[in-house]
Amino acid sequence: MTEDSAGAGDGIALIGGGKIGEALLSGLLRGGRTPGDTVVSEKHPERAAYLAETYGVTTVDVAEAAARARTLVLAIKPQDIDTLLAQLAPVIGPDHLLVSVAAGITTTRIERALADGVPVVRCMPNTPALVDQAMTAVSAGAHATDEHVATAEAMLGVVGRVVRVPESQLDAVTALSGSGPAYFFFLVEAMIDAGILLGLPRTLAAELIVQTAVGAATMLRDSGEHPVQLREAVTSPGGTTISAIRELEAHGVRAALIAAIEAAAVRSAVLGADG
């Protein structure tokens, strides 16, 4: 344990103030944290100033963040991880907890760069954290106890649902739910374009599709029925829906989605292996 880690406070430090970092910050404050026990380390001065002004938090450098907080949330891009770990290595120890939301970066890779015994919990949230509807998976590193994982779960739980998974499954989780919102946005974009093609105003097409997406997602979550059952309930013999489904299958939409998610999982694994 370093001298800095021995004196660290009980607050939370967010290292990285991008979209996910801001979503977590906002959620933590809504969930009862105060700006006084939450600090942010953000390398871009303009972004740091925005977060300080918007949320009333103090922005500090990485060393100061480690001195002021026992729990550090690494909300950075994967390509920045090695630089950050080099900054953290001299100033943290086993009394800290690192909660990483950097896509693809394994706990082993983080642990290897730090002093022995530093607990690391790897998490994969997604951008609906911005509206408290995130889906987050968490996995423990070699030195993380159940208590450490529970701390991460409680922290991520303020912005949505949390599940605990083996780390071997996190690349698949990243591909499925981490990147998943983008797939839905892509499909909604295409459906809105179809509405425009059929003569609807863009605003009306968007309203129709967005509410349809919300309703369909709610049915999937609350009904307990398999998506095939829900789809078949809409699909009448010889009707409009089966004609649309036939075209989707003819154009290989199902196969394309599976291939896309598989590609995302492969990329997640590559990001973790780099460095």
C-alpha atoms as a PDB file:
ATOM      1  CA  MET A   1       0.000   0.000   0.000  1.00  0.00           C
ATOM      2  CA  THR A   2       1.282   3.396  -0.927  1.00  0.00           C
ATOM      3  CA  GLU A   3       1.296   6.368   1.390  1.00  0.00           C
ATOM      4  CA  ASP A   4      -1.347   8.001  -0.808  1.00  0.00           C
ATOM      5  CA  SER A   5      -3.661   4.983  -0.684  1.00  0.00           C
ATOM      6  CA  ALA A   6      -3.376   4.826   3.102  1.00  0.00           C
ATOM      7  CA  GLY A   7      -4.724   8.364   3.320  1.00  0.00           C
ATOM      8  CA  ALA A   8      -7.405   8.033   0.669  1.00  0.00           C
ATOM      9  CA  GLY A   9     -10.868   9.190   1.622  1.00  0.00           C
ATOM     10  CA  ASP A  10     -14.083   7.201   1.335  1.00  0.00           C
ATOM     11  CA  GLY A  11     -15.357   9.122  -1.677  1.00  0.00           C
ATOM     12  CA  ILE A  12     -15.638   8.120  -5.316  1.00  0.00           C
ATOM     13  CA  ALA A  13     -13.429   9.414  -8.109  1.00  0.00           C
ATOM     14  CA  LEU A  14     -14.526   9.240 -11.725  1.00  0.00           C
ATOM     15  CA  ILE A  15     -11.550   9.144 -14.038  1.00  0.00           C
ATOM     16  CA  GLY A  16     -12.880  10.132 -17.418  1.00  0.00           C
ATOM     17  CA  GLY A  17     -15.776  12.480 -17.984  1.00  0.00           C
ATOM     18  CA  GLY A  18     -17.147  11.350 -21.325  1.00  0.00           C
ATOM     19  CA  LYS A  19     -20.693  10.111 -21.966  1.00  0.00           C
ATOM     20  CA  ILE A  20     -20.512   7.083 -19.676  1.00  0.00           C
ATOM     21  CA  GLY A  21     -18.535   8.973 -17.036  1.00  0.00           C
ATOM     22  CA  GLU A  22     -21.078  11.786 -17.020  1.00  0.00           C
ATOM     23  CA  ALA A  23     -23.979   9.326 -16.900  1.00  0.00           C
ATOM     24  CA  LEU A  24     -22.470   7.610 -13.867  1.00  0.00           C
ATOM     25  CA  LEU A  25     -21.714  10.938 -12.208  1.00  0.00           C
ATOM     26  CA  SER A  26     -25.248  12.166 -12.734  1.00  0.00           C
ATOM     27  CA  GLY A  27     -26.699   8.876 -11.501  1.00  0.00           C
ATOM     28  CA  LEU A  28     -24.528   8.794  -8.395  1.00  0.00           C
ATOM     29  CA  LEU A  29     -25.604  12.303  -7.464  1.00  0.00           C
ATOM     30  CA  ARG A  30     -29.267  11.471  -8.046  1.00  0.00           C
ATOM     31  CA  GLY A  31     -28.777   8.335  -5.957  1.00  0.00           C
ATOM     32  CA  GLY A  32     -27.644  10.238  -2.876  1.00  0.00           C
ATOM     33  CA  ARG A  33     -23.946  10.970  -3.376  1.00  0.00           C
ATOM     34  CA  THR A  34     -22.941  14.568  -2.831  1.00  0.00           C
ATOM     35  CA  PRO A  35     -20.558  16.671  -4.924  1.00  0.00           C
ATOM     36  CA  GLY A  36     -18.401  16.911  -1.822  1.00  0.00           C
ATOM     37  CA  ASP A  37     -17.570  13.204  -1.787  1.00  0.00           C
ATOM     38  CA  THR A  38     -17.299  12.784  -5.562  1.00  0.00           C
ATOM     39  CA  VAL A  39     -14.413  14.059  -7.663  1.00  0.00           C
ATOM     40  CA  VAL A  40     -13.697  13.880 -11.376  1.00  0.00           C
ATOM     41  CA  SER A  41     -10.438  13.627 -13.257  1.00  0.00           C
ATOM     42  CA  GLU A  42     -10.882  14.666 -16.879  1.00  0.00           C
ATOM     43  CA  LYS A  43      -7.927  15.370 -19.157  1.00  0.00           C
ATOM     44  CA  HIS A  44      -9.737  17.829 -21.438  1.00  0.00           C
ATOM     45  CA  PRO A  45      -9.975  21.230 -19.674  1.00  0.00           C
ATOM     46  CA  GLU A  46     -13.170  22.306 -21.432  1.00  0.00           C
ATOM     47  CA  ARG A  47     -14.930  19.083 -20.515  1.00  0.00           C
ATOM     48  CA  ALA A  48     -13.660  19.295 -16.931  1.00  0.00           C
ATOM     49  CA  ALA A  49     -14.997  22.839 -16.638  1.00  0.00           C
ATOM     50  CA  TYR A  50     -18.386  21.740 -17.984  1.00  0.00           C
ATOM     51  CA  LEU A  51     -18.673  18.903 -15.436  1.00  0.00           C
ATOM     52  CA  ALA A  52     -17.625  21.146 -12.569  1.00  0.00           C
ATOM     53  CA  GLU A  53     -20.141  23.825 -13.511  1.00  0.00           C
ATOM     54  CA  THR A  54     -22.995  21.400 -14.264  1.00  0.00           C
ATOM     55  CA  TYR A  55     -22.651  19.062 -11.277  1.00  0.00           C
ATOM     56  CA  GLY A  56     -20.775  21.111  -8.701  1.00  0.00           C
ATOM     57  CA  VAL A  57     -17.980  18.554  -8.382  1.00  0.00           C
ATOM     58  CA  THR A  58     -14.286  19.243  -7.963  1.00  0.00           C
ATOM     59  CA  THR A  59     -12.062  18.297 -10.886  1.00  0.00           C
ATOM     60  CA  VAL A  60      -8.562  17.084 -10.032  1.00  0.00           C
ATOM     61  CA  ASP A  61      -5.622  15.265 -11.591  1.00  0.00           C
ATOM     62  CA  VAL A  62      -5.238  11.499 -11.370  1.00  0.00           C
ATOM     63  CA  ALA A  63      -2.895  11.529  -8.353  1.00  0.00           C
ATOM     64  CA  GLU A  64      -5.213  13.797  -6.393  1.00  0.00           C
ATOM     65  CA  ALA A  65      -8.188  11.612  -7.309  1.00  0.00           C
ATOM     66  CA  ALA A  66      -6.408   8.586  -5.837  1.00  0.00           C
ATOM     67  CA  ALA A  67      -5.543  10.532  -2.699  1.00  0.00           C
ATOM     68  CA  ARG A  68      -9.122  11.667  -2.146  1.00  0.00           C
ATOM     69  CA  ALA A  69     -11.086   8.515  -2.989  1.00  0.00           C
ATOM     70  CA  ARG A  70     -10.858   4.804  -2.256  1.00  0.00           C
ATOM     71  CA  THR A  71     -13.105   3.838  -5.186  1.00  0.00           C
ATOM     72  CA  LEU A  72     -11.889   4.903  -8.609  1.00  0.00           C
ATOM     73  CA  VAL A  73     -14.069   4.439 -11.664  1.00  0.00           C
ATOM     74  CA  LEU A  74     -12.045   4.144 -14.860  1.00  0.00           C
ATOM     75  CA  ALA A  75     -14.464   5.553 -17.450  1.00  0.00           C
ATOM     76  CA  ILE A  76     -12.003   5.989 -20.290  1.00  0.00           C
ATOM     77  CA  LYS A  77     -11.473   4.813 -23.836  1.00  0.00           C
ATOM     78  CA  PRO A  78      -9.613   1.502 -24.175  1.00  0.00           C
ATOM     79  CA  GLN A  79      -6.746   3.145 -26.067  1.00  0.00           C
ATOM     80  CA  ASP A  80      -6.054   5.391 -23.062  1.00  0.00           C
ATOM     81  CA  ILE A  81      -5.763   2.607 -20.498  1.00  0.00           C
ATOM     82  CA  ASP A  82      -1.985   2.096 -20.514  1.00  0.00           C
ATOM     83  CA  THR A  83      -1.245   5.796 -20.048  1.00  0.00           C
ATOM     84  CA  LEU A  84      -3.715   5.986 -17.190  1.00  0.00           C
ATOM     85  CA  LEU A  85      -2.409   2.859 -15.458  1.00  0.00           C
ATOM     86  CA  ALA A  86       1.110   4.277 -15.584  1.00  0.00           C
ATOM     87  CA  GLN A  87      -0.197   7.355 -13.747  1.00  0.00           C
ATOM     88  CA  LEU A  88      -2.116   5.285 -11.207  1.00  0.00           C
ATOM     89  CA  ALA A  89       0.559   2.705 -10.417  1.00  0.00           C
ATOM     90  CA  PRO A  90       2.604   4.903  -8.032  1.00  0.00           C
ATOM     91  CA  VAL A  91      -0.391   6.263  -6.122  1.00  0.00           C
ATOM     92  CA  ILE A  92      -2.791   3.365  -5.438  1.00  0.00           C
ATOM     93  CA  GLY A  93      -2.660   0.193  -3.385  1.00  0.00           C
ATOM     94  CA  PRO A  94      -4.813  -2.661  -2.072  1.00  0.00           C
ATOM     95  CA  ASP A  95      -6.982  -0.266  -0.039  1.00  0.00           C
ATOM     96  CA  HIS A  96      -8.339   1.163  -3.272  1.00  0.00           C
ATOM     97  CA  LEU A  97     -10.986  -0.374  -5.514  1.00  0.00           C
ATOM     98  CA  LEU A  98     -10.747   0.107  -9.277  1.00  0.00           C
ATOM     99  CA  VAL A  99     -14.029  -0.190 -11.141  1.00  0.00           C
ATOM    100  CA  SER A 100     -13.259  -0.283 -14.852  1.00  0.00           C
ATOM    101  CA  VAL A 101     -15.833   0.430 -17.548  1.00  0.00           C
ATOM    102  CA  ALA A 102     -13.215   0.510 -20.329  1.00  0.00           C
ATOM    103  CA  ALA A 103     -14.534  -1.756 -23.075  1.00  0.00           C
ATOM    104  CA  GLY A 104     -12.530  -4.910 -23.688  1.00  0.00           C
ATOM    105  CA  ILE A 105      -9.851  -4.267 -21.057  1.00  0.00           C
ATOM    106  CA  THR A 106      -9.383  -7.332 -18.857  1.00  0.00           C
ATOM    107  CA  THR A 107      -8.842  -7.270 -15.116  1.00  0.00           C
ATOM    108  CA  THR A 108      -5.588  -9.186 -15.665  1.00  0.00           C
ATOM    109  CA  ARG A 109      -4.235  -6.432 -17.882  1.00  0.00           C
ATOM    110  CA  ILE A 110      -5.090  -3.794 -15.277  1.00  0.00           C
ATOM    111  CA  GLU A 111      -3.726  -5.821 -12.360  1.00  0.00           C
ATOM    112  CA  ARG A 112      -0.464  -6.504 -14.192  1.00  0.00           C
ATOM    113  CA  ALA A 113       0.260  -2.764 -14.380  1.00  0.00           C
ATOM    114  CA  LEU A 114      -0.359  -2.103 -10.682  1.00  0.00           C
ATOM    115  CA  ALA A 115       0.992  -3.110  -7.288  1.00  0.00           C
ATOM    116  CA  ASP A 116       0.100  -6.611  -6.168  1.00  0.00           C
ATOM    117  CA  GLY A 117      -3.265  -6.957  -4.458  1.00  0.00           C
ATOM    118  CA  VAL A 118      -5.176  -4.041  -5.979  1.00  0.00           C
ATOM    119  CA  PRO A 119      -8.818  -5.146  -6.361  1.00  0.00           C
ATOM    120  CA  VAL A 120     -10.333  -4.602  -9.785  1.00  0.00           C
ATOM    121  CA  VAL A 121     -13.943  -5.058 -10.870  1.00  0.00           C
ATOM    122  CA  ARG A 122     -14.634  -4.917 -14.594  1.00  0.00           C
ATOM    123  CA  CYS A 123     -18.014  -3.572 -15.695  1.00  0.00           C
ATOM    124  CA  MET A 124     -19.777  -3.201 -19.023  1.00  0.00           C
ATOM    125  CA  PRO A 125     -22.602  -0.627 -18.868  1.00  0.00           C
ATOM    126  CA  ASN A 126     -24.269   0.927 -21.887  1.00  0.00           C
ATOM    127  CA  THR A 127     -25.387   4.410 -22.852  1.00  0.00           C
ATOM    128  CA  PRO A 128     -29.002   4.115 -21.577  1.00  0.00           C
ATOM    129  CA  ALA A 129     -27.290   4.877 -18.252  1.00  0.00           C
ATOM    130  CA  LEU A 130     -28.007   8.454 -19.347  1.00  0.00           C
ATOM    131  CA  VAL A 131     -31.724   7.794 -18.692  1.00  0.00           C
ATOM    132  CA  ASP A 132     -31.303   5.329 -15.780  1.00  0.00           C
ATOM    133  CA  GLN A 133     -32.052   2.360 -18.037  1.00  0.00           C
ATOM    134  CA  ALA A 134     -28.566   0.868 -18.372  1.00  0.00           C
ATOM    135  CA  MET A 135     -27.818  -2.827 -18.611  1.00  0.00           C
ATOM    136  CA  THR A 136     -24.523  -3.492 -16.831  1.00  0.00           C
ATOM    137  CA  ALA A 137     -22.580  -6.713 -16.332  1.00  0.00           C
ATOM    138  CA  VAL A 138     -19.849  -6.928 -13.682  1.00  0.00           C
ATOM    139  CA  SER A 139     -16.983  -9.368 -13.123  1.00  0.00           C
ATOM    140  CA  ALA A 140     -14.433  -9.695 -10.340  1.00  0.00           C
ATOM    141  CA  GLY A 141     -10.677  -9.618 -10.835  1.00  0.00           C
ATOM    142  CA  ALA A 142      -8.230 -11.833  -8.981  1.00  0.00           C
ATOM    143  CA  HIS A 143      -8.091  -9.670  -5.843  1.00  0.00           C
ATOM    144  CA  ALA A 144     -11.711  -8.480  -5.717  1.00  0.00           C
ATOM    145  CA  THR A 145     -13.888  -9.883  -2.937  1.00  0.00           C
ATOM    146  CA  ASP A 146     -17.668 -10.245  -2.919  1.00  0.00           C
ATOM    147  CA  GLU A 147     -17.750  -6.989  -0.980  1.00  0.00           C
ATOM    148  CA  HIS A 148     -15.826  -5.213  -3.748  1.00  0.00           C
ATOM    149  CA  VAL A 149     -18.186  -6.575  -6.399  1.00  0.00           C
ATOM    150  CA  ALA A 150     -21.203  -5.576  -4.299  1.00  0.00           C
ATOM    151  CA  THR A 151     -19.808  -2.030  -4.089  1.00  0.00           C
ATOM    152  CA  ALA A 152     -19.564  -1.888  -7.878  1.00  0.00           C
ATOM    153  CA  GLU A 153     -23.043  -3.358  -8.281  1.00  0.00           C
ATOM    154  CA  ALA A 154     -24.547  -0.795  -5.928  1.00  0.00           C
ATOM    155  CA  MET A 155     -22.777   2.031  -7.736  1.00  0.00           C
ATOM    156  CA  LEU A 156     -23.852   0.906 -11.217  1.00  0.00           C
ATOM    157  CA  GLY A 157     -27.320   0.025  -9.968  1.00  0.00           C
ATOM    158  CA  VAL A 158     -28.256   3.694  -9.655  1.00  0.00           C
ATOM    159  CA  VAL A 159     -28.372   3.954 -13.462  1.00  0.00           C
ATOM    160  CA  GLY A 160     -30.100   0.682 -14.360  1.00  0.00           C
ATOM    161  CA  ARG A 161     -29.997  -3.091 -13.969  1.00  0.00           C
ATOM    162  CA  VAL A 162     -26.854  -5.028 -13.025  1.00  0.00           C
ATOM    163  CA  VAL A 163     -25.927  -8.693 -13.469  1.00  0.00           C
ATOM    164  CA  ARG A 164     -22.827 -10.564 -12.302  1.00  0.00           C
ATOM    165  CA  VAL A 165     -21.088 -12.729 -14.932  1.00  0.00           C
ATOM    166  CA  PRO A 166     -17.777 -14.582 -15.335  1.00  0.00           C
ATOM    167  CA  GLU A 167     -15.218 -12.362 -17.006  1.00  0.00           C
ATOM    168  CA  SER A 168     -14.924 -14.880 -19.842  1.00  0.00           C
ATOM    169  CA  GLN A 169     -18.408 -13.753 -20.944  1.00  0.00           C
ATOM    170  CA  LEU A 170     -17.731 -10.021 -20.959  1.00  0.00           C
ATOM    171  CA  ASP A 171     -16.641  -9.768 -24.592  1.00  0.00           C
ATOM    172  CA  ALA A 172     -20.000 -11.284 -25.546  1.00  0.00           C
ATOM    173  CA  VAL A 173     -21.771  -8.908 -23.148  1.00  0.00           C
ATOM    174  CA  THR A 174     -19.921  -5.967 -24.697  1.00  0.00           C
ATOM    175  CA  ALA A 175     -21.061  -7.033 -28.155  1.00  0.00           C
ATOM    176  CA  LEU A 176     -24.642  -7.698 -27.136  1.00  0.00           C
ATOM    177  CA  SER A 177     -25.652  -5.009 -24.632  1.00  0.00           C
ATOM    178  CA  GLY A 178     -22.641  -2.678 -24.563  1.00  0.00           C
ATOM    179  CA  SER A 179     -22.908  -1.959 -28.278  1.00  0.00           C
ATOM    180  CA  GLY A 180     -26.561  -3.015 -28.429  1.00  0.00           C
ATOM    181  CA  PRO A 181     -28.175   0.436 -28.285  1.00  0.00           C
ATOM    182  CA  ALA A 182     -26.430   1.325 -31.546  1.00  0.00           C
ATOM    183  CA  TYR A 183     -28.079  -1.618 -33.308  1.00  0.00           C
ATOM    184  CA  PHE A 184     -31.510  -0.472 -32.163  1.00  0.00           C
ATOM    185  CA  PHE A 185     -30.804   3.118 -33.195  1.00  0.00           C
ATOM    186  CA  PHE A 186     -29.683   1.831 -36.603  1.00  0.00           C
ATOM    187  CA  LEU A 187     -32.893  -0.158 -37.061  1.00  0.00           C
ATOM    188  CA  VAL A 188     -35.068   2.741 -35.898  1.00  0.00           C
ATOM    189  CA  GLU A 189     -33.262   5.051 -38.323  1.00  0.00           C
ATOM    190  CA  ALA A 190     -34.016   2.654 -41.187  1.00  0.00           C
ATOM    191  CA  MET A 191     -37.658   2.325 -40.144  1.00  0.00           C
ATOM    192  CA  ILE A 192     -38.081   6.096 -40.014  1.00  0.00           C
ATOM    193  CA  ASP A 193     -36.592   6.335 -43.512  1.00  0.00           C
ATOM    194  CA  ALA A 194     -39.120   3.727 -44.639  1.00  0.00           C
ATOM    195  CA  GLY A 195     -41.925   5.820 -43.212  1.00  0.00           C
ATOM    196  CA  ILE A 196     -40.674   8.849 -45.135  1.00  0.00           C
ATOM    197  CA  LEU A 197     -40.471   6.741 -48.303  1.00  0.00           C
ATOM    198  CA  LEU A 198     -44.126   5.808 -47.768  1.00  0.00           C
ATOM    199  CA  GLY A 199     -45.110   9.469 -47.542  1.00  0.00           C
ATOM    200  CA  LEU A 200     -45.137  10.206 -43.814  1.00  0.00           C
ATOM    201  CA  PRO A 201     -43.561  13.357 -42.374  1.00  0.00           C
ATOM    202  CA  ARG A 202     -40.275  12.627 -40.575  1.00  0.00           C
ATOM    203  CA  THR A 203     -41.573  13.801 -37.190  1.00  0.00           C
ATOM    204  CA  LEU A 204     -44.637  11.565 -37.413  1.00  0.00           C
ATOM    205  CA  ALA A 205     -42.606   8.568 -38.600  1.00  0.00           C
ATOM    206  CA  ALA A 206     -40.176   9.063 -35.702  1.00  0.00           C
ATOM    207  CA  GLU A 207     -42.993   9.348 -33.151  1.00  0.00           C
ATOM    208  CA  LEU A 208     -44.656   6.186 -34.450  1.00  0.00           C
ATOM    209  CA  ILE A 209     -41.465   4.124 -34.434  1.00  0.00           C
ATOM    210  CA  VAL A 210     -40.031   5.347 -31.124  1.00  0.00           C
ATOM    211  CA  GLN A 211     -43.241   4.641 -29.229  1.00  0.00           C
ATOM    212  CA  THR A 212     -43.550   1.288 -30.991  1.00  0.00           C
ATOM    213  CA  ALA A 213     -40.010   0.441 -29.885  1.00  0.00           C
ATOM    214  CA  VAL A 214     -40.749   1.472 -26.276  1.00  0.00           C
ATOM    215  CA  GLY A 215     -43.958  -0.555 -26.245  1.00  0.00           C
ATOM    216  CA  ALA A 216     -42.346  -3.624 -27.787  1.00  0.00           C
ATOM    217  CA  ALA A 217     -39.429  -3.488 -25.329  1.00  0.00           C
ATOM    218  CA  THR A 218     -41.842  -3.178 -22.408  1.00  0.00           C
ATOM    219  CA  MET A 219     -43.780  -6.217 -23.621  1.00  0.00           C
ATOM    220  CA  LEU A 220     -40.569  -8.217 -23.923  1.00  0.00           C
ATOM    221  CA  ARG A 221     -39.519  -7.245 -20.398  1.00  0.00           C
ATOM    222  CA  ASP A 222     -42.861  -7.622 -18.641  1.00  0.00           C
ATOM    223  CA  SER A 223     -44.766 -10.388 -20.428  1.00  0.00           C
ATOM    224  CA  GLY A 224     -42.325 -13.237 -19.817  1.00  0.00           C
ATOM    225  CA  GLU A 225     -43.045 -14.513 -23.321  1.00  0.00           C
ATOM    226  CA  HIS A 226     -40.417 -15.525 -25.867  1.00  0.00           C
ATOM    227  CA  PRO A 227     -39.904 -12.977 -28.664  1.00  0.00           C
ATOM    228  CA  VAL A 228     -41.063 -15.591 -31.176  1.00  0.00           C
ATOM    229  CA  GLN A 229     -44.408 -15.814 -29.369  1.00  0.00           C
ATOM    230  CA  LEU A 230     -44.792 -12.047 -29.342  1.00  0.00           C
ATOM    231  CA  ARG A 231     -43.876 -11.795 -33.013  1.00  0.00           C
ATOM    232  CA  GLU A 232     -46.300 -14.546 -33.994  1.00  0.00           C
ATOM    233  CA  ALA A 233     -49.110 -12.753 -32.135  1.00  0.00           C
ATOM    234  CA  VAL A 234     -48.683  -9.859 -34.582  1.00  0.00           C
ATOM    235  CA  THR A 235     -48.261 -12.058 -37.655  1.00  0.00           C
ATOM    236  CA  SER A 236     -51.604 -12.973 -39.222  1.00  0.00           C
ATOM    237  CA  PRO A 237     -51.786 -15.536 -42.066  1.00  0.00           C
ATOM    238  CA  GLY A 238     -51.505 -13.751 -45.397  1.00  0.00           C
ATOM    239  CA  GLY A 239     -51.242 -10.373 -43.693  1.00  0.00           C
ATOM    240  CA  THR A 240     -48.931  -7.379 -43.822  1.00  0.00           C
ATOM    241  CA  THR A 241     -46.508  -8.498 -41.124  1.00  0.00           C
ATOM    242  CA  ILE A 242     -45.678 -11.866 -42.681  1.00  0.00           C
ATOM    243  CA  SER A 243     -44.967 -10.087 -45.965  1.00  0.00           C
ATOM    244  CA  ALA A 244     -42.491  -7.845 -44.144  1.00  0.00           C
ATOM    245  CA  ILE A 245     -40.900 -10.766 -42.276  1.00  0.00           C
ATOM    246  CA  ARG A 246     -40.423 -12.616 -45.570  1.00  0.00           C
ATOM    247  CA  GLU A 247     -38.475  -9.646 -46.944  1.00  0.00           C
ATOM    248  CA  LEU A 248     -36.326  -9.397 -43.799  1.00  0.00           C
ATOM    249  CA  GLU A 249     -35.434 -13.070 -44.084  1.00  0.00           C
ATOM    250  CA  ALA A 250     -34.815 -12.816 -47.832  1.00  0.00           C
ATOM    251  CA  HIS A 251     -32.359  -9.977 -47.228  1.00  0.00           C
ATOM    252  CA  GLY A 252     -30.525 -11.882 -44.517  1.00  0.00           C
ATOM    253  CA  VAL A 253     -31.277  -9.435 -41.695  1.00  0.00           C
ATOM    254  CA  ARG A 254     -31.133 -12.132 -39.009  1.00  0.00           C
ATOM    255  CA  ALA A 255     -27.790 -13.447 -40.268  1.00  0.00           C
ATOM    256  CA  ALA A 256     -26.414  -9.920 -40.612  1.00  0.00           C
ATOM    257  CA  LEU A 257     -27.284  -9.092 -36.989  1.00  0.00           C
ATOM    258  CA  ILE A 258     -25.661 -12.271 -35.697  1.00  0.00           C
ATOM    259  CA  ALA A 259     -22.536 -11.575 -37.763  1.00  0.00           C
ATOM    260  CA  ALA A 260     -22.420  -7.959 -36.558  1.00  0.00           C
ATOM    261  CA  ILE A 261     -22.616  -8.950 -32.893  1.00  0.00           C
ATOM    262  CA  GLU A 262     -19.973 -11.617 -33.413  1.00  0.00           C
ATOM    263  CA  ALA A 263     -17.688  -8.993 -35.018  1.00  0.00           C
ATOM    264  CA  ALA A 264     -18.190  -6.703 -32.029  1.00  0.00           C
ATOM    265  CA  ALA A 265     -17.204  -9.514 -29.643  1.00  0.00           C
ATOM    266  CA  VAL A 266     -14.059 -10.207 -31.647  1.00  0.00           C
ATOM    267  CA  ARG A 267     -13.161  -6.516 -31.565  1.00  0.00           C
ATOM    268  CA  SER A 268     -13.697  -6.399 -27.809  1.00  0.00           C
ATOM    269  CA  ALA A 269     -11.257  -9.282 -27.379  1.00  0.00           C
ATOM    270  CA  VAL A 270      -8.702  -7.516 -29.617  1.00  0.00           C
ATOM    271  CA  LEU A 271      -8.970  -4.325 -27.562  1.00  0.00           C
ATOM    272  CA  GLY A 272      -8.245  -6.325 -24.429  1.00  0.00           C
ATOM    273  CA  ALA A 273      -5.237  -8.032 -26.002  1.00  0.00           C
ATOM    274  CA  ASP A 274      -3.604  -4.832 -27.288  1.00  0.00           C
ATOM    275  CA  GLY A 275      -0.704  -3.735 -25.159  1.00  0.00           C
END
